[in-house]
Amino acid sequence: MTTNRTGLAIAIMVLAACLNSLDAVIVRLLAGQVHPLMIGFFRSFFGLIAVMPWIIRGIDLKASPFRTLHALRAGLKLLALVCLFVAFAHAPLADATAINFTMPIFLVLGAWLFLGEKVGRGSIFGVIAGFVGVMIIIRPSGDQGFDPWLLFALAGAVLTASSQLLLRRMALRDTTDRLVAWNLITMVPLGLIIMLPVWSMPTWTQLGLLALQGVLGAFNMAIITRAFAMANASVLAPLDFLRLPVVALMAFLIFSEIPIIQMWIGAAVIIGATIVATGGGARRRSR
C-alpha cells in the first residue's frame, strides 16, 4: 500500500511539473500585450476564485493571529511572481527557469543569516556552487553577452525565499491551510493596487489565458499539497527539477528556442548545489 501511495505521489509531482511549466509559456504568449503587473493580479484573482469554495467551507480566517505579516508575505510573493514573469517575457525560458531553481539556496542562506539556523560545510559549499551555476548561465563576460533580464529571475528567487522564511516563523503560530488562504486573499487587493497605473483592457483571448494560468496555479498548489501528504519530501522535492526539460521542450516547440550548452551546465551545477545545500539541513533536522 505504501509503495502504491508513493508511486501515485510521484506521478502527481510529474504532472505538477508539467503543468507548472505552462506558466512560463502563457507569460511568453502574453508578452508585449499584457503588462507583467496585470498578469500578477489576474493570476492571483483567478486563483482565488478557484479555491474560494474551499476557503468558505473549511477555513476560519478570523482565528489567525497575524494581519500585517499576511500583507507582507503576500507582497513578497506577488513581487516574486512579477519578477519571474518579466524574466519569462524577455529572457530564454529555460535560462530563467534554471536560475529560479536557486530559491532553496537563498532559503538556506537566509535561514542562516536571519533565523540563526546552523549550516554545515556541505550547505556552505552548496550555496557557493549555486552562485557559480548562476554565473555560468548569466554569462556576465561570455561570448553570448550578458542578459540583464535574467536578473529578474534571480530577484524572483530571492523574494520567494524571503516569503518562505517569513512563512516558517508564521507557521509556528498558525495553520498551513489558514496561511495559504490568507496569502491568496491578500494578494488580490495588493495586485490590484500595483496594476492600476498600467491597466489596459485585455482581449477575451488574453483573459482566457490569464484565467487558465490562475486556475492551473491553484490546481497545482492543491495536487502538490496532496502529493506531499502521501510520500516523503526527500523523494518528491527533486522531481520539481523536471520543470527544466519540460520548459525547454515547450520553448523549442512553440517559440523555436534552443538552449545553449552553458545553460545545461549551469543548470546542472545549480540543481546539484541545491540538493547539497538543502540536504545538509534536512539531515541535521532529522537528527
C-alpha atoms as a PDB file:
ATOM      1  CA  MET A   1       0.000   0.000   0.000  1.00  0.00           C
ATOM      2  CA  THR A   2       2.826   2.393   0.900  1.00  0.00           C
ATOM      3  CA  THR A   3       4.532   1.656  -2.417  1.00  0.00           C
ATOM      4  CA  ASN A   4       1.322   2.423  -4.306  1.00  0.00           C
ATOM      5  CA  ARG A   5       0.862   5.716  -2.459  1.00  0.00           C
ATOM      6  CA  THR A   6       4.460   6.723  -3.167  1.00  0.00           C
ATOM      7  CA  GLY A   7       4.063   5.837  -6.841  1.00  0.00           C
ATOM      8  CA  LEU A   8       0.885   7.893  -7.065  1.00  0.00           C
ATOM      9  CA  ALA A   9       2.574  10.828  -5.314  1.00  0.00           C
ATOM     10  CA  ILE A  10       5.463  10.675  -7.801  1.00  0.00           C
ATOM     11  CA  ALA A  11       3.009  10.639 -10.715  1.00  0.00           C
ATOM     12  CA  ILE A  12       1.236  13.680  -9.242  1.00  0.00           C
ATOM     13  CA  MET A  13       4.517  15.569  -8.908  1.00  0.00           C
ATOM     14  CA  VAL A  14       5.459  14.770 -12.505  1.00  0.00           C
ATOM     15  CA  LEU A  15       2.059  16.101 -13.606  1.00  0.00           C
ATOM     16  CA  ALA A  16       2.554  19.209 -11.448  1.00  0.00           C
ATOM     17  CA  ALA A  17       5.973  19.850 -13.002  1.00  0.00           C
ATOM     18  CA  CYS A  18       4.462  19.665 -16.490  1.00  0.00           C
ATOM     19  CA  LEU A  19       1.518  21.913 -15.623  1.00  0.00           C
ATOM     20  CA  ASN A  20       3.770  24.374 -13.819  1.00  0.00           C
ATOM     21  CA  SER A  21       5.841  24.671 -16.986  1.00  0.00           C
ATOM     22  CA  LEU A  22       2.795  26.076 -18.763  1.00  0.00           C
ATOM     23  CA  ASP A  23       3.149  29.170 -16.571  1.00  0.00           C
ATOM     24  CA  ALA A  24       6.230  30.260 -18.489  1.00  0.00           C
ATOM     25  CA  VAL A  25       4.619  29.516 -21.853  1.00  0.00           C
ATOM     26  CA  ILE A  26       1.470  31.521 -21.041  1.00  0.00           C
ATOM     27  CA  VAL A  27       3.525  34.519 -19.893  1.00  0.00           C
ATOM     28  CA  ARG A  28       5.580  34.415 -23.093  1.00  0.00           C
ATOM     29  CA  LEU A  29       2.390  34.237 -25.190  1.00  0.00           C
ATOM     30  CA  LEU A  30       1.119  37.335 -23.389  1.00  0.00           C
ATOM     31  CA  ALA A  31       4.458  39.188 -23.565  1.00  0.00           C
ATOM     32  CA  GLY A  32       4.190  42.615 -25.123  1.00  0.00           C
ATOM     33  CA  GLN A  33       0.398  42.531 -24.898  1.00  0.00           C
ATOM     34  CA  VAL A  34      -0.332  42.295 -21.163  1.00  0.00           C
ATOM     35  CA  HIS A  35       1.858  44.050 -18.583  1.00  0.00           C
ATOM     36  CA  PRO A  36       3.557  41.731 -16.023  1.00  0.00           C
ATOM     37  CA  LEU A  37       1.805  43.630 -13.199  1.00  0.00           C
ATOM     38  CA  MET A  38      -1.542  42.786 -14.786  1.00  0.00           C
ATOM     39  CA  ILE A  39      -0.509  39.140 -15.161  1.00  0.00           C
ATOM     40  CA  GLY A  40       0.354  39.065 -11.451  1.00  0.00           C
ATOM     41  CA  PHE A  41      -3.041  40.455 -10.491  1.00  0.00           C
ATOM     42  CA  PHE A  42      -5.094  38.182 -12.723  1.00  0.00           C
ATOM     43  CA  ARG A  43      -3.159  35.093 -11.673  1.00  0.00           C
ATOM     44  CA  SER A  44      -3.965  35.895  -8.035  1.00  0.00           C
ATOM     45  CA  PHE A  45      -7.570  36.836  -8.836  1.00  0.00           C
ATOM     46  CA  PHE A  46      -8.481  33.730 -10.817  1.00  0.00           C
ATOM     47  CA  GLY A  47      -6.524  31.530  -8.424  1.00  0.00           C
ATOM     48  CA  LEU A  48      -8.543  32.903  -5.506  1.00  0.00           C
ATOM     49  CA  ILE A  49     -11.810  32.303  -7.355  1.00  0.00           C
ATOM     50  CA  ALA A  50     -10.774  28.698  -7.980  1.00  0.00           C
ATOM     51  CA  VAL A  51     -10.164  27.959  -4.288  1.00  0.00           C
ATOM     52  CA  MET A  52     -12.822  30.215  -2.761  1.00  0.00           C
ATOM     53  CA  PRO A  53     -15.272  27.314  -2.143  1.00  0.00           C
ATOM     54  CA  TRP A  54     -12.556  25.521  -0.154  1.00  0.00           C
ATOM     55  CA  ILE A  55     -11.841  28.672   1.887  1.00  0.00           C
ATOM     56  CA  ILE A  56     -15.507  29.356   2.639  1.00  0.00           C
ATOM     57  CA  ARG A  57     -16.224  25.746   3.538  1.00  0.00           C
ATOM     58  CA  GLY A  58     -13.394  24.978   5.911  1.00  0.00           C
ATOM     59  CA  ILE A  59     -11.114  27.897   6.890  1.00  0.00           C
ATOM     60  CA  ASP A  60     -11.592  30.036   9.997  1.00  0.00           C
ATOM     61  CA  LEU A  61      -9.816  33.167   8.802  1.00  0.00           C
ATOM     62  CA  LYS A  62     -10.530  35.193  11.953  1.00  0.00           C
ATOM     63  CA  ALA A  63      -8.528  32.754  14.073  1.00  0.00           C
ATOM     64  CA  SER A  64      -5.229  33.835  12.529  1.00  0.00           C
ATOM     65  CA  PRO A  65      -3.020  35.778  14.978  1.00  0.00           C
ATOM     66  CA  PHE A  66      -1.470  37.763  12.115  1.00  0.00           C
ATOM     67  CA  ARG A  67      -2.629  40.665   9.978  1.00  0.00           C
ATOM     68  CA  THR A  68       0.296  42.839   8.881  1.00  0.00           C
ATOM     69  CA  LEU A  69       2.547  39.829   8.285  1.00  0.00           C
ATOM     70  CA  HIS A  70      -0.033  38.335   5.922  1.00  0.00           C
ATOM     71  CA  ALA A  71       0.159  41.500   3.812  1.00  0.00           C
ATOM     72  CA  LEU A  72       3.962  41.497   3.927  1.00  0.00           C
ATOM     73  CA  ARG A  73       4.222  37.857   2.840  1.00  0.00           C
ATOM     74  CA  ALA A  74       1.636  38.362   0.090  1.00  0.00           C
ATOM     75  CA  GLY A  75       3.557  41.407  -1.145  1.00  0.00           C
ATOM     76  CA  LEU A  76       6.794  39.429  -1.307  1.00  0.00           C
ATOM     77  CA  LYS A  77       5.079  36.577  -3.131  1.00  0.00           C
ATOM     78  CA  LEU A  78       3.427  38.946  -5.608  1.00  0.00           C
ATOM     79  CA  LEU A  79       6.684  40.768  -6.360  1.00  0.00           C
ATOM     80  CA  ALA A  80       8.419  37.408  -6.803  1.00  0.00           C
ATOM     81  CA  LEU A  81       5.816  36.369  -9.380  1.00  0.00           C
ATOM     82  CA  VAL A  82       6.064  39.667 -11.253  1.00  0.00           C
ATOM     83  CA  CYS A  83       9.866  39.422 -11.409  1.00  0.00           C
ATOM     84  CA  LEU A  84       9.609  35.889 -12.751  1.00  0.00           C
ATOM     85  CA  PHE A  85       7.009  36.984 -15.318  1.00  0.00           C
ATOM     86  CA  VAL A  86       9.333  39.758 -16.533  1.00  0.00           C
ATOM     87  CA  ALA A  87      12.099  37.183 -16.971  1.00  0.00           C
ATOM     88  CA  PHE A  88       9.780  34.777 -18.807  1.00  0.00           C
ATOM     89  CA  ALA A  89       8.625  37.569 -21.106  1.00  0.00           C
ATOM     90  CA  HIS A  90      12.101  38.690 -22.202  1.00  0.00           C
ATOM     91  CA  ALA A  91      14.727  36.022 -21.405  1.00  0.00           C
ATOM     92  CA  PRO A  92      15.086  32.464 -22.731  1.00  0.00           C
ATOM     93  CA  LEU A  93      12.531  30.382 -20.846  1.00  0.00           C
ATOM     94  CA  ALA A  94      14.924  27.564 -19.946  1.00  0.00           C
ATOM     95  CA  ASP A  95      17.547  30.011 -18.628  1.00  0.00           C
ATOM     96  CA  ALA A  96      15.003  31.835 -16.454  1.00  0.00           C
ATOM     97  CA  THR A  97      13.626  28.541 -15.112  1.00  0.00           C
ATOM     98  CA  ALA A  98      17.089  27.235 -14.257  1.00  0.00           C
ATOM     99  CA  ILE A  99      18.031  30.401 -12.354  1.00  0.00           C
ATOM    100  CA  ASN A 100      14.731  30.281 -10.447  1.00  0.00           C
ATOM    101  CA  PHE A 101      15.865  26.899  -9.061  1.00  0.00           C
ATOM    102  CA  THR A 102      18.247  28.835  -6.792  1.00  0.00           C
ATOM    103  CA  MET A 103      15.346  29.669  -4.455  1.00  0.00           C
ATOM    104  CA  PRO A 104      16.158  26.852  -1.951  1.00  0.00           C
ATOM    105  CA  ILE A 105      19.772  28.032  -1.868  1.00  0.00           C
ATOM    106  CA  PHE A 106      18.684  31.538  -0.878  1.00  0.00           C
ATOM    107  CA  LEU A 107      16.351  29.931   1.654  1.00  0.00           C
ATOM    108  CA  VAL A 108      19.272  28.136   3.299  1.00  0.00           C
ATOM    109  CA  LEU A 109      21.345  31.325   3.229  1.00  0.00           C
ATOM    110  CA  GLY A 110      18.515  33.394   4.705  1.00  0.00           C
ATOM    111  CA  ALA A 111      17.810  30.849   7.437  1.00  0.00           C
ATOM    112  CA  TRP A 112      21.465  31.044   8.433  1.00  0.00           C
ATOM    113  CA  LEU A 113      21.723  34.849   8.327  1.00  0.00           C
ATOM    114  CA  PHE A 114      18.339  35.868   9.744  1.00  0.00           C
ATOM    115  CA  LEU A 115      16.901  32.884  11.628  1.00  0.00           C
ATOM    116  CA  GLY A 116      20.112  31.725  13.254  1.00  0.00           C
ATOM    117  CA  GLU A 117      19.906  28.200  11.836  1.00  0.00           C
ATOM    118  CA  LYS A 118      23.203  26.344  11.782  1.00  0.00           C
ATOM    119  CA  VAL A 119      24.610  25.274   8.434  1.00  0.00           C
ATOM    120  CA  GLY A 120      27.286  22.696   7.784  1.00  0.00           C
ATOM    121  CA  ARG A 121      30.161  22.727   5.350  1.00  0.00           C
ATOM    122  CA  GLY A 122      28.057  20.884   2.801  1.00  0.00           C
ATOM    123  CA  SER A 123      25.410  23.609   2.826  1.00  0.00           C
ATOM    124  CA  ILE A 124      28.025  26.346   2.533  1.00  0.00           C
ATOM    125  CA  PHE A 125      29.599  24.541  -0.411  1.00  0.00           C
ATOM    126  CA  GLY A 126      26.162  24.171  -1.990  1.00  0.00           C
ATOM    127  CA  VAL A 127      25.447  27.900  -1.662  1.00  0.00           C
ATOM    128  CA  ILE A 128      28.783  28.832  -3.260  1.00  0.00           C
ATOM    129  CA  ALA A 129      28.317  26.290  -6.058  1.00  0.00           C
ATOM    130  CA  GLY A 130      24.816  27.634  -6.688  1.00  0.00           C
ATOM    131  CA  PHE A 131      26.183  31.117  -7.359  1.00  0.00           C
ATOM    132  CA  VAL A 132      28.762  29.605  -9.706  1.00  0.00           C
ATOM    133  CA  GLY A 133      25.915  27.957 -11.626  1.00  0.00           C
ATOM    134  CA  VAL A 134      24.119  31.306 -11.880  1.00  0.00           C
ATOM    135  CA  MET A 135      27.245  32.963 -13.291  1.00  0.00           C
ATOM    136  CA  ILE A 136      27.575  30.200 -15.895  1.00  0.00           C
ATOM    137  CA  ILE A 137      24.010  30.817 -17.118  1.00  0.00           C
ATOM    138  CA  ILE A 138      24.018  34.611 -16.951  1.00  0.00           C
ATOM    139  CA  ARG A 139      27.423  34.728 -18.684  1.00  0.00           C
ATOM    140  CA  PRO A 140      28.450  38.198 -17.449  1.00  0.00           C
ATOM    141  CA  SER A 141      31.548  38.152 -19.666  1.00  0.00           C
ATOM    142  CA  GLY A 142      30.800  35.363 -22.125  1.00  0.00           C
ATOM    143  CA  ASP A 143      30.700  35.424 -25.912  1.00  0.00           C
ATOM    144  CA  GLN A 144      26.890  35.362 -25.936  1.00  0.00           C
ATOM    145  CA  GLY A 145      26.698  38.583 -23.941  1.00  0.00           C
ATOM    146  CA  PHE A 146      25.084  39.434 -20.629  1.00  0.00           C
ATOM    147  CA  ASP A 147      21.283  39.127 -20.493  1.00  0.00           C
ATOM    148  CA  PRO A 148      20.036  41.566 -17.816  1.00  0.00           C
ATOM    149  CA  TRP A 149      16.512  40.110 -17.936  1.00  0.00           C
ATOM    150  CA  LEU A 150      17.806  37.009 -16.165  1.00  0.00           C
ATOM    151  CA  LEU A 151      18.456  39.155 -13.102  1.00  0.00           C
ATOM    152  CA  PHE A 152      14.677  39.344 -12.695  1.00  0.00           C
ATOM    153  CA  ALA A 153      14.560  35.537 -12.383  1.00  0.00           C
ATOM    154  CA  LEU A 154      17.266  35.778  -9.724  1.00  0.00           C
ATOM    155  CA  ALA A 155      15.318  38.517  -7.911  1.00  0.00           C
ATOM    156  CA  GLY A 156      12.220  36.317  -8.058  1.00  0.00           C
ATOM    157  CA  ALA A 157      14.134  33.501  -6.364  1.00  0.00           C
ATOM    158  CA  VAL A 158      15.366  35.864  -3.614  1.00  0.00           C
ATOM    159  CA  LEU A 159      11.870  37.266  -2.992  1.00  0.00           C
ATOM    160  CA  THR A 160      10.310  33.789  -2.928  1.00  0.00           C
ATOM    161  CA  ALA A 161      12.915  32.653  -0.396  1.00  0.00           C
ATOM    162  CA  SER A 162      12.154  35.739   1.727  1.00  0.00           C
ATOM    163  CA  SER A 163       8.463  34.848   1.647  1.00  0.00           C
ATOM    164  CA  GLN A 164       9.247  31.283   2.691  1.00  0.00           C
ATOM    165  CA  LEU A 165      11.420  32.470   5.580  1.00  0.00           C
ATOM    166  CA  LEU A 166       8.535  34.576   6.833  1.00  0.00           C
ATOM    167  CA  LEU A 167       6.224  31.602   6.403  1.00  0.00           C
ATOM    168  CA  ARG A 168       8.471  29.498   8.637  1.00  0.00           C
ATOM    169  CA  ARG A 169       8.003  31.933  11.521  1.00  0.00           C
ATOM    170  CA  MET A 170       4.275  32.362  10.942  1.00  0.00           C
ATOM    171  CA  ALA A 171       3.717  28.597  10.757  1.00  0.00           C
ATOM    172  CA  LEU A 172       4.777  28.313  14.393  1.00  0.00           C
ATOM    173  CA  ARG A 173       1.548  30.053  15.456  1.00  0.00           C
ATOM    174  CA  ASP A 174      -0.882  29.421  12.596  1.00  0.00           C
ATOM    175  CA  THR A 175      -2.167  26.520  10.488  1.00  0.00           C
ATOM    176  CA  THR A 176      -0.980  25.758   6.972  1.00  0.00           C
ATOM    177  CA  ASP A 177      -4.488  25.985   5.482  1.00  0.00           C
ATOM    178  CA  ARG A 178      -5.126  29.379   7.049  1.00  0.00           C
ATOM    179  CA  LEU A 179      -1.756  30.725   5.913  1.00  0.00           C
ATOM    180  CA  VAL A 180      -2.421  29.615   2.336  1.00  0.00           C
ATOM    181  CA  ALA A 181      -5.926  31.105   2.369  1.00  0.00           C
ATOM    182  CA  TRP A 182      -4.812  34.450   3.782  1.00  0.00           C
ATOM    183  CA  ASN A 183      -1.969  34.623   1.268  1.00  0.00           C
ATOM    184  CA  LEU A 184      -4.349  34.167  -1.669  1.00  0.00           C
ATOM    185  CA  ILE A 185      -6.890  36.630  -0.285  1.00  0.00           C
ATOM    186  CA  THR A 186      -4.314  39.342   0.468  1.00  0.00           C
ATOM    187  CA  MET A 187      -2.519  39.096  -2.871  1.00  0.00           C
ATOM    188  CA  VAL A 188      -5.615  40.154  -4.845  1.00  0.00           C
ATOM    189  CA  PRO A 189      -6.044  43.721  -3.451  1.00  0.00           C
ATOM    190  CA  LEU A 190      -2.277  44.247  -3.442  1.00  0.00           C
ATOM    191  CA  GLY A 191      -2.122  43.106  -7.047  1.00  0.00           C
ATOM    192  CA  LEU A 192      -4.987  45.419  -7.945  1.00  0.00           C
ATOM    193  CA  ILE A 193      -3.261  48.441  -6.403  1.00  0.00           C
ATOM    194  CA  ILE A 194       0.039  47.984  -8.241  1.00  0.00           C
ATOM    195  CA  MET A 195      -1.721  47.057 -11.501  1.00  0.00           C
ATOM    196  CA  LEU A 196      -3.954  50.137 -11.820  1.00  0.00           C
ATOM    197  CA  PRO A 197      -1.261  52.504 -13.215  1.00  0.00           C
ATOM    198  CA  VAL A 198      -0.636  50.152 -16.162  1.00  0.00           C
ATOM    199  CA  TRP A 199      -4.204  48.922 -16.657  1.00  0.00           C
ATOM    200  CA  SER A 200      -5.487  48.245 -20.170  1.00  0.00           C
ATOM    201  CA  MET A 201      -8.466  46.077 -21.042  1.00  0.00           C
ATOM    202  CA  PRO A 202      -7.312  42.600 -22.121  1.00  0.00           C
ATOM    203  CA  THR A 203      -8.934  40.865 -25.054  1.00  0.00           C
ATOM    204  CA  TRP A 204     -11.107  37.801 -24.498  1.00  0.00           C
ATOM    205  CA  THR A 205      -8.253  35.571 -25.684  1.00  0.00           C
ATOM    206  CA  GLN A 206      -5.832  37.196 -23.262  1.00  0.00           C
ATOM    207  CA  LEU A 207      -8.379  36.974 -20.464  1.00  0.00           C
ATOM    208  CA  GLY A 208      -8.817  33.275 -21.193  1.00  0.00           C
ATOM    209  CA  LEU A 209      -5.081  32.680 -20.931  1.00  0.00           C
ATOM    210  CA  LEU A 210      -4.936  34.653 -17.680  1.00  0.00           C
ATOM    211  CA  ALA A 211      -7.827  32.646 -16.242  1.00  0.00           C
ATOM    212  CA  LEU A 212      -6.154  29.387 -17.301  1.00  0.00           C
ATOM    213  CA  GLN A 213      -2.937  30.472 -15.620  1.00  0.00           C
ATOM    214  CA  GLY A 214      -4.688  31.324 -12.346  1.00  0.00           C
ATOM    215  CA  VAL A 215      -6.712  28.097 -12.238  1.00  0.00           C
ATOM    216  CA  LEU A 216      -3.669  25.980 -13.087  1.00  0.00           C
ATOM    217  CA  GLY A 217      -1.710  27.690 -10.320  1.00  0.00           C
ATOM    218  CA  ALA A 218      -4.414  26.896  -7.751  1.00  0.00           C
ATOM    219  CA  PHE A 219      -4.796  23.334  -9.046  1.00  0.00           C
ATOM    220  CA  ASN A 220      -1.034  22.784  -8.891  1.00  0.00           C
ATOM    221  CA  MET A 221      -0.922  24.008  -5.312  1.00  0.00           C
ATOM    222  CA  ALA A 222      -3.666  21.551  -4.373  1.00  0.00           C
ATOM    223  CA  ILE A 223      -2.158  18.482  -6.036  1.00  0.00           C
ATOM    224  CA  ILE A 224       1.356  19.216  -4.758  1.00  0.00           C
ATOM    225  CA  THR A 225      -0.029  19.508  -1.219  1.00  0.00           C
ATOM    226  CA  ARG A 226      -1.787  16.177  -1.751  1.00  0.00           C
ATOM    227  CA  ALA A 227       1.401  14.545  -3.054  1.00  0.00           C
ATOM    228  CA  PHE A 228       3.489  15.648  -0.076  1.00  0.00           C
ATOM    229  CA  ALA A 229       0.848  14.214   2.235  1.00  0.00           C
ATOM    230  CA  MET A 230       1.316  10.815   0.561  1.00  0.00           C
ATOM    231  CA  ALA A 231       5.117  10.449   0.387  1.00  0.00           C
ATOM    232  CA  ASN A 232       8.361  11.751   1.853  1.00  0.00           C
ATOM    233  CA  ALA A 233       9.580  15.160   0.749  1.00  0.00           C
ATOM    234  CA  SER A 234      13.045  13.703   0.082  1.00  0.00           C
ATOM    235  CA  VAL A 235      11.501  11.588  -2.677  1.00  0.00           C
ATOM    236  CA  LEU A 236       9.228  14.247  -4.174  1.00  0.00           C
ATOM    237  CA  ALA A 237      11.158  17.520  -3.936  1.00  0.00           C
ATOM    238  CA  PRO A 238      13.804  16.660  -6.598  1.00  0.00           C
ATOM    239  CA  LEU A 239      11.008  15.978  -9.098  1.00  0.00           C
ATOM    240  CA  ASP A 240      10.397  19.722  -9.321  1.00  0.00           C
ATOM    241  CA  PHE A 241      13.584  19.899 -11.417  1.00  0.00           C
ATOM    242  CA  LEU A 242      11.640  18.171 -14.208  1.00  0.00           C
ATOM    243  CA  ARG A 243      10.272  21.620 -14.987  1.00  0.00           C
ATOM    244  CA  LEU A 244      13.505  22.485 -16.773  1.00  0.00           C
ATOM    245  CA  PRO A 245      13.443  19.857 -19.555  1.00  0.00           C
ATOM    246  CA  VAL A 246       9.686  20.332 -19.941  1.00  0.00           C
ATOM    247  CA  VAL A 247      10.044  24.110 -20.270  1.00  0.00           C
ATOM    248  CA  ALA A 248      12.963  23.678 -22.680  1.00  0.00           C
ATOM    249  CA  LEU A 249      10.896  21.305 -24.838  1.00  0.00           C
ATOM    250  CA  MET A 250       7.877  23.638 -24.859  1.00  0.00           C
ATOM    251  CA  ALA A 251      10.066  26.644 -25.662  1.00  0.00           C
ATOM    252  CA  PHE A 252      11.574  24.755 -28.588  1.00  0.00           C
ATOM    253  CA  LEU A 253       8.236  23.523 -29.968  1.00  0.00           C
ATOM    254  CA  ILE A 254       6.324  26.803 -29.561  1.00  0.00           C
ATOM    255  CA  PHE A 255       8.952  29.573 -29.755  1.00  0.00           C
ATOM    256  CA  SER A 256      11.845  27.773 -31.529  1.00  0.00           C
ATOM    257  CA  GLU A 257      14.177  28.483 -28.586  1.00  0.00           C
ATOM    258  CA  ILE A 258      17.196  26.204 -28.379  1.00  0.00           C
ATOM    259  CA  PRO A 259      19.068  26.366 -25.040  1.00  0.00           C
ATOM    260  CA  ILE A 260      22.825  26.684 -25.397  1.00  0.00           C
ATOM    261  CA  ILE A 261      25.207  24.287 -23.680  1.00  0.00           C
ATOM    262  CA  GLN A 262      26.122  26.810 -20.950  1.00  0.00           C
ATOM    263  CA  MET A 263      22.521  26.758 -19.736  1.00  0.00           C
ATOM    264  CA  TRP A 264      22.546  22.989 -19.239  1.00  0.00           C
ATOM    265  CA  ILE A 265      25.941  23.116 -17.488  1.00  0.00           C
ATOM    266  CA  GLY A 266      24.837  25.951 -15.201  1.00  0.00           C
ATOM    267  CA  ALA A 267      21.516  24.251 -14.501  1.00  0.00           C
ATOM    268  CA  ALA A 268      23.280  21.006 -13.562  1.00  0.00           C
ATOM    269  CA  VAL A 269      25.532  22.946 -11.165  1.00  0.00           C
ATOM    270  CA  ILE A 270      22.531  24.744  -9.608  1.00  0.00           C
ATOM    271  CA  ILE A 271      20.496  21.551  -9.202  1.00  0.00           C
ATOM    272  CA  GLY A 272      23.427  19.708  -7.650  1.00  0.00           C
ATOM    273  CA  ALA A 273      24.183  22.672  -5.402  1.00  0.00           C
ATOM    274  CA  THR A 274      20.543  22.853  -4.299  1.00  0.00           C
ATOM    275  CA  ILE A 275      20.499  19.168  -3.373  1.00  0.00           C
ATOM    276  CA  VAL A 276      23.732  19.534  -1.405  1.00  0.00           C
ATOM    277  CA  ALA A 277      22.743  22.812   0.296  1.00  0.00           C
ATOM    278  CA  THR A 278      19.290  21.628   1.389  1.00  0.00           C
ATOM    279  CA  GLY A 279      20.299  18.033   2.116  1.00  0.00           C
ATOM    280  CA  GLY A 280      22.645  19.034   4.910  1.00  0.00           C
ATOM    281  CA  GLY A 281      19.924  20.962   6.687  1.00  0.00           C
ATOM    282  CA  ALA A 282      17.454  18.124   6.301  1.00  0.00           C
ATOM    283  CA  ARG A 283      19.860  15.632   7.813  1.00  0.00           C
ATOM    284  CA  ARG A 284      20.548  17.897  10.808  1.00  0.00           C
ATOM    285  CA  ARG A 285      16.834  18.395  11.445  1.00  0.00           C
ATOM    286  CA  SER A 286      16.305  14.653  11.201  1.00  0.00           C
ATOM    287  CA  ARG A 287      18.938  14.001  13.834  1.00  0.00           C
END
